[in-house]
Amino acid sequence: MTVEARFVQALRVAAPVQRSEVVILRRKESRRIHLDWSPLAKSLDVLPCETCWAVPSTRWVRDDTLQLVCADCRGREAGPGAS
């Protein structure tokens, strides 16, 4: 029997963040999402695709549900010509 052990460290930091509310308006519908600004990372939290959970550089808003999706999910589920 062979046992291999590795030490793992973790540091949890509780720090205040600045939360901003963004309103997505599309035709007659609207949706509110919250974005957090992290002062340690000096960046906004990353919003994943709401279908496949990938982290794309560009997001599309689906007409019917106002979901934020990547280009692959937009083309796969919404069909051609969707926005």
N, C-alpha and C. Protein backbone atom coordinates (compact mmCIF):
# COMPACT_ATOMS: atom_id res chain seq x y z
N MET A 1 0.85 -1.17 0.00
CA MET A 1 0.00 0.00 0.00
C MET A 1 0.90 1.23 0.00
N THR A 2 0.60 2.14 -0.89
CA THR A 2 1.36 3.39 -0.98
C THR A 2 0.42 4.55 -0.69
N VAL A 3 0.86 5.43 0.15
CA VAL A 3 0.06 6.62 0.50
C VAL A 3 0.85 7.85 0.10
N GLU A 4 0.20 8.72 -0.63
CA GLU A 4 0.83 9.98 -1.03
C GLU A 4 0.03 11.11 -0.41
N ALA A 5 0.71 12.01 0.24
CA ALA A 5 0.04 13.15 0.88
C ALA A 5 0.65 14.45 0.37
N ARG A 6 -0.21 15.39 0.06
CA ARG A 6 0.24 16.72 -0.35
C ARG A 6 -0.43 17.73 0.55
N PHE A 7 0.32 18.72 0.94
CA PHE A 7 -0.24 19.77 1.78
C PHE A 7 -0.83 20.86 0.89
N VAL A 8 -1.99 21.29 1.25
CA VAL A 8 -2.69 22.32 0.50
C VAL A 8 -3.02 23.44 1.46
N GLN A 9 -2.74 24.65 1.03
CA GLN A 9 -3.06 25.80 1.86
C GLN A 9 -4.16 26.59 1.19
N ALA A 10 -4.95 27.21 2.02
CA ALA A 10 -6.00 28.09 1.52
C ALA A 10 -6.08 29.29 2.45
N LEU A 11 -6.38 30.41 1.88
CA LEU A 11 -6.54 31.63 2.65
C LEU A 11 -7.87 32.24 2.27
N ARG A 12 -8.70 32.42 3.23
CA ARG A 12 -10.00 33.03 2.99
C ARG A 12 -9.96 34.44 3.52
N VAL A 13 -10.29 35.39 2.66
CA VAL A 13 -10.23 36.79 3.03
C VAL A 13 -11.64 37.37 2.95
N ALA A 14 -12.06 37.95 4.03
CA ALA A 14 -13.35 38.65 4.03
C ALA A 14 -13.05 40.13 3.81
N ALA A 15 -13.46 40.62 2.66
CA ALA A 15 -13.20 42.01 2.31
C ALA A 15 -14.48 42.62 1.74
N PRO A 16 -14.68 43.89 1.98
CA PRO A 16 -15.88 44.53 1.42
C PRO A 16 -15.77 44.65 -0.10
N VAL A 17 -16.90 44.51 -0.76
CA VAL A 17 -16.96 44.68 -2.20
C VAL A 17 -17.99 45.76 -2.52
N GLN A 18 -17.86 46.34 -3.67
CA GLN A 18 -18.85 47.32 -4.11
C GLN A 18 -19.78 46.63 -5.09
N ARG A 19 -21.06 46.59 -4.76
CA ARG A 19 -22.05 45.91 -5.59
C ARG A 19 -22.79 46.94 -6.43
N SER A 20 -22.86 46.66 -7.72
CA SER A 20 -23.58 47.52 -8.66
C SER A 20 -24.72 46.72 -9.27
N GLU A 21 -25.81 47.40 -9.50
CA GLU A 21 -26.95 46.76 -10.14
C GLU A 21 -27.01 47.21 -11.59
N VAL A 22 -27.11 46.25 -12.49
CA VAL A 22 -27.18 46.54 -13.92
C VAL A 22 -28.55 46.08 -14.41
N VAL A 23 -29.20 46.92 -15.18
CA VAL A 23 -30.51 46.57 -15.73
C VAL A 23 -30.34 46.28 -17.22
N ILE A 24 -30.74 45.09 -17.62
CA ILE A 24 -30.70 44.70 -19.03
C ILE A 24 -32.09 44.98 -19.60
N LEU A 25 -32.14 45.84 -20.59
CA LEU A 25 -33.40 46.18 -21.26
C LEU A 25 -33.38 45.58 -22.66
N ARG A 26 -34.41 44.84 -22.98
CA ARG A 26 -34.51 44.23 -24.31
C ARG A 26 -35.97 44.22 -24.70
N ARG A 27 -36.28 45.00 -25.70
CA ARG A 27 -37.66 45.17 -26.15
C ARG A 27 -38.52 45.63 -24.99
N LYS A 28 -39.53 44.87 -24.59
CA LYS A 28 -40.41 45.30 -23.49
C LYS A 28 -40.04 44.66 -22.16
N GLU A 29 -39.01 43.85 -22.15
CA GLU A 29 -38.61 43.13 -20.94
C GLU A 29 -37.40 43.79 -20.29
N SER A 30 -37.24 43.54 -19.00
CA SER A 30 -36.05 44.01 -18.29
C SER A 30 -35.64 42.96 -17.27
N ARG A 31 -34.38 42.98 -16.93
CA ARG A 31 -33.83 42.05 -15.95
C ARG A 31 -32.71 42.74 -15.19
N ARG A 32 -32.67 42.53 -13.90
CA ARG A 32 -31.62 43.13 -13.07
C ARG A 32 -30.60 42.06 -12.69
N ILE A 33 -29.33 42.42 -12.84
CA ILE A 33 -28.25 41.55 -12.38
C ILE A 33 -27.32 42.38 -11.50
N HIS A 34 -26.61 41.72 -10.63
CA HIS A 34 -25.69 42.39 -9.72
C HIS A 34 -24.26 42.04 -10.09
N LEU A 35 -23.42 43.05 -10.15
CA LEU A 35 -22.00 42.87 -10.39
C LEU A 35 -21.24 43.35 -9.17
N ASP A 36 -20.25 42.58 -8.75
CA ASP A 36 -19.43 42.94 -7.60
C ASP A 36 -18.05 43.36 -8.07
N TRP A 37 -17.58 44.49 -7.52
CA TRP A 37 -16.23 44.98 -7.78
C TRP A 37 -15.35 44.56 -6.61
N SER A 38 -14.31 43.82 -6.90
CA SER A 38 -13.40 43.36 -5.86
C SER A 38 -12.21 44.32 -5.78
N PRO A 39 -12.00 44.96 -4.63
CA PRO A 39 -10.86 45.87 -4.52
C PRO A 39 -9.52 45.14 -4.50
N LEU A 40 -9.49 43.88 -4.08
CA LEU A 40 -8.24 43.12 -4.08
C LEU A 40 -7.83 42.74 -5.50
N ALA A 41 -8.77 42.24 -6.28
CA ALA A 41 -8.48 41.85 -7.66
C ALA A 41 -8.54 43.04 -8.61
N LYS A 42 -9.15 44.13 -8.17
CA LYS A 42 -9.35 45.34 -8.98
C LYS A 42 -10.05 45.00 -10.29
N SER A 43 -11.12 44.22 -10.18
CA SER A 43 -11.89 43.86 -11.36
C SER A 43 -13.30 43.47 -10.95
N LEU A 44 -14.18 43.42 -11.94
CA LEU A 44 -15.54 42.95 -11.72
C LEU A 44 -15.56 41.43 -11.68
N ASP A 45 -16.50 40.88 -10.96
CA ASP A 45 -16.68 39.44 -10.99
C ASP A 45 -17.05 39.00 -12.40
N VAL A 46 -16.62 37.83 -12.77
CA VAL A 46 -16.86 37.31 -14.11
C VAL A 46 -18.26 36.70 -14.18
N LEU A 47 -19.01 37.05 -15.22
CA LEU A 47 -20.33 36.47 -15.42
C LEU A 47 -20.22 35.31 -16.41
N PRO A 48 -20.57 34.11 -15.99
CA PRO A 48 -20.49 32.97 -16.91
C PRO A 48 -21.71 32.92 -17.83
N CYS A 49 -21.61 32.09 -18.85
CA CYS A 49 -22.76 31.80 -19.70
C CYS A 49 -23.79 31.08 -18.84
N GLU A 50 -25.04 31.47 -18.92
CA GLU A 50 -26.07 30.89 -18.06
C GLU A 50 -26.62 29.56 -18.60
N THR A 51 -26.07 29.08 -19.71
CA THR A 51 -26.47 27.78 -20.24
C THR A 51 -25.40 26.73 -20.00
N CYS A 52 -24.16 27.02 -20.40
CA CYS A 52 -23.08 26.02 -20.28
C CYS A 52 -22.08 26.37 -19.18
N TRP A 53 -22.17 27.51 -18.57
CA TRP A 53 -21.31 27.99 -17.48
C TRP A 53 -19.87 28.22 -17.90
N ALA A 54 -19.63 28.37 -19.20
CA ALA A 54 -18.30 28.76 -19.67
C ALA A 54 -18.11 30.25 -19.38
N VAL A 55 -16.88 30.72 -19.46
CA VAL A 55 -16.60 32.13 -19.21
C VAL A 55 -16.15 32.76 -20.53
N PRO A 56 -17.11 33.24 -21.32
CA PRO A 56 -16.76 33.82 -22.62
C PRO A 56 -16.32 35.27 -22.47
N SER A 57 -15.67 35.78 -23.50
CA SER A 57 -15.29 37.19 -23.49
C SER A 57 -16.45 38.07 -23.96
N THR A 58 -17.36 37.49 -24.74
CA THR A 58 -18.53 38.21 -25.24
C THR A 58 -19.79 37.44 -24.85
N ARG A 59 -20.79 38.17 -24.42
CA ARG A 59 -22.06 37.55 -24.04
C ARG A 59 -23.19 38.12 -24.89
N TRP A 60 -24.18 37.31 -25.16
CA TRP A 60 -25.36 37.71 -25.91
C TRP A 60 -26.55 37.63 -24.97
N VAL A 61 -27.56 38.45 -25.24
CA VAL A 61 -28.79 38.42 -24.45
C VAL A 61 -29.85 37.70 -25.27
N ARG A 62 -30.39 36.64 -24.70
CA ARG A 62 -31.43 35.87 -25.38
C ARG A 62 -32.75 36.63 -25.29
N ASP A 63 -33.48 36.71 -26.40
CA ASP A 63 -34.71 37.49 -26.48
C ASP A 63 -35.78 37.07 -25.49
N ASP A 64 -36.08 35.78 -25.43
CA ASP A 64 -37.23 35.34 -24.65
C ASP A 64 -36.99 35.32 -23.14
N THR A 65 -35.79 34.95 -22.70
CA THR A 65 -35.53 34.81 -21.26
C THR A 65 -34.58 35.86 -20.71
N LEU A 66 -33.98 36.65 -21.57
CA LEU A 66 -32.96 37.64 -21.19
C LEU A 66 -31.77 37.00 -20.49
N GLN A 67 -31.46 35.76 -20.83
CA GLN A 67 -30.29 35.09 -20.29
C GLN A 67 -29.04 35.61 -20.99
N LEU A 68 -27.94 35.65 -20.24
CA LEU A 68 -26.65 35.99 -20.81
C LEU A 68 -25.99 34.69 -21.26
N VAL A 69 -25.76 34.55 -22.57
CA VAL A 69 -25.23 33.30 -23.11
C VAL A 69 -24.01 33.59 -23.98
N CYS A 70 -23.18 32.56 -24.17
CA CYS A 70 -22.01 32.68 -25.04
C CYS A 70 -22.45 32.51 -26.50
N ALA A 71 -21.54 32.75 -27.42
CA ALA A 71 -21.87 32.64 -28.84
C ALA A 71 -22.23 31.22 -29.23
N ASP A 72 -21.57 30.22 -28.63
CA ASP A 72 -21.88 28.82 -28.95
C ASP A 72 -23.31 28.46 -28.55
N CYS A 73 -23.71 28.84 -27.34
CA CYS A 73 -25.06 28.52 -26.86
C CYS A 73 -26.11 29.34 -27.60
N ARG A 74 -25.77 30.54 -27.99
CA ARG A 74 -26.70 31.37 -28.75
C ARG A 74 -27.01 30.72 -30.08
N GLY A 75 -25.99 30.25 -30.78
CA GLY A 75 -26.18 29.62 -32.07
C GLY A 75 -26.82 28.25 -31.97
N ARG A 76 -26.51 27.52 -30.92
CA ARG A 76 -27.00 26.14 -30.77
C ARG A 76 -28.48 26.10 -30.41
N GLU A 77 -28.92 26.94 -29.50
CA GLU A 77 -30.29 26.82 -28.99
C GLU A 77 -31.26 27.82 -29.60
N ALA A 78 -30.77 28.98 -29.99
CA ALA A 78 -31.69 30.00 -30.47
C ALA A 78 -31.90 29.94 -31.98
N GLY A 79 -30.97 29.32 -32.70
CA GLY A 79 -31.10 29.24 -34.14
C GLY A 79 -30.47 30.44 -34.82
N PRO A 80 -30.36 30.41 -36.14
CA PRO A 80 -29.73 31.51 -36.86
C PRO A 80 -30.57 32.78 -36.83
N GLY A 81 -29.90 33.91 -36.79
CA GLY A 81 -30.60 35.19 -36.79
C GLY A 81 -31.07 35.65 -35.43
N ALA A 82 -30.81 34.91 -34.39
CA ALA A 82 -31.25 35.31 -33.04
C ALA A 82 -30.29 36.33 -32.47
N SER A 83 -30.79 37.10 -31.52
CA SER A 83 -29.92 38.08 -30.86
C SER A 83 -30.22 38.17 -29.40
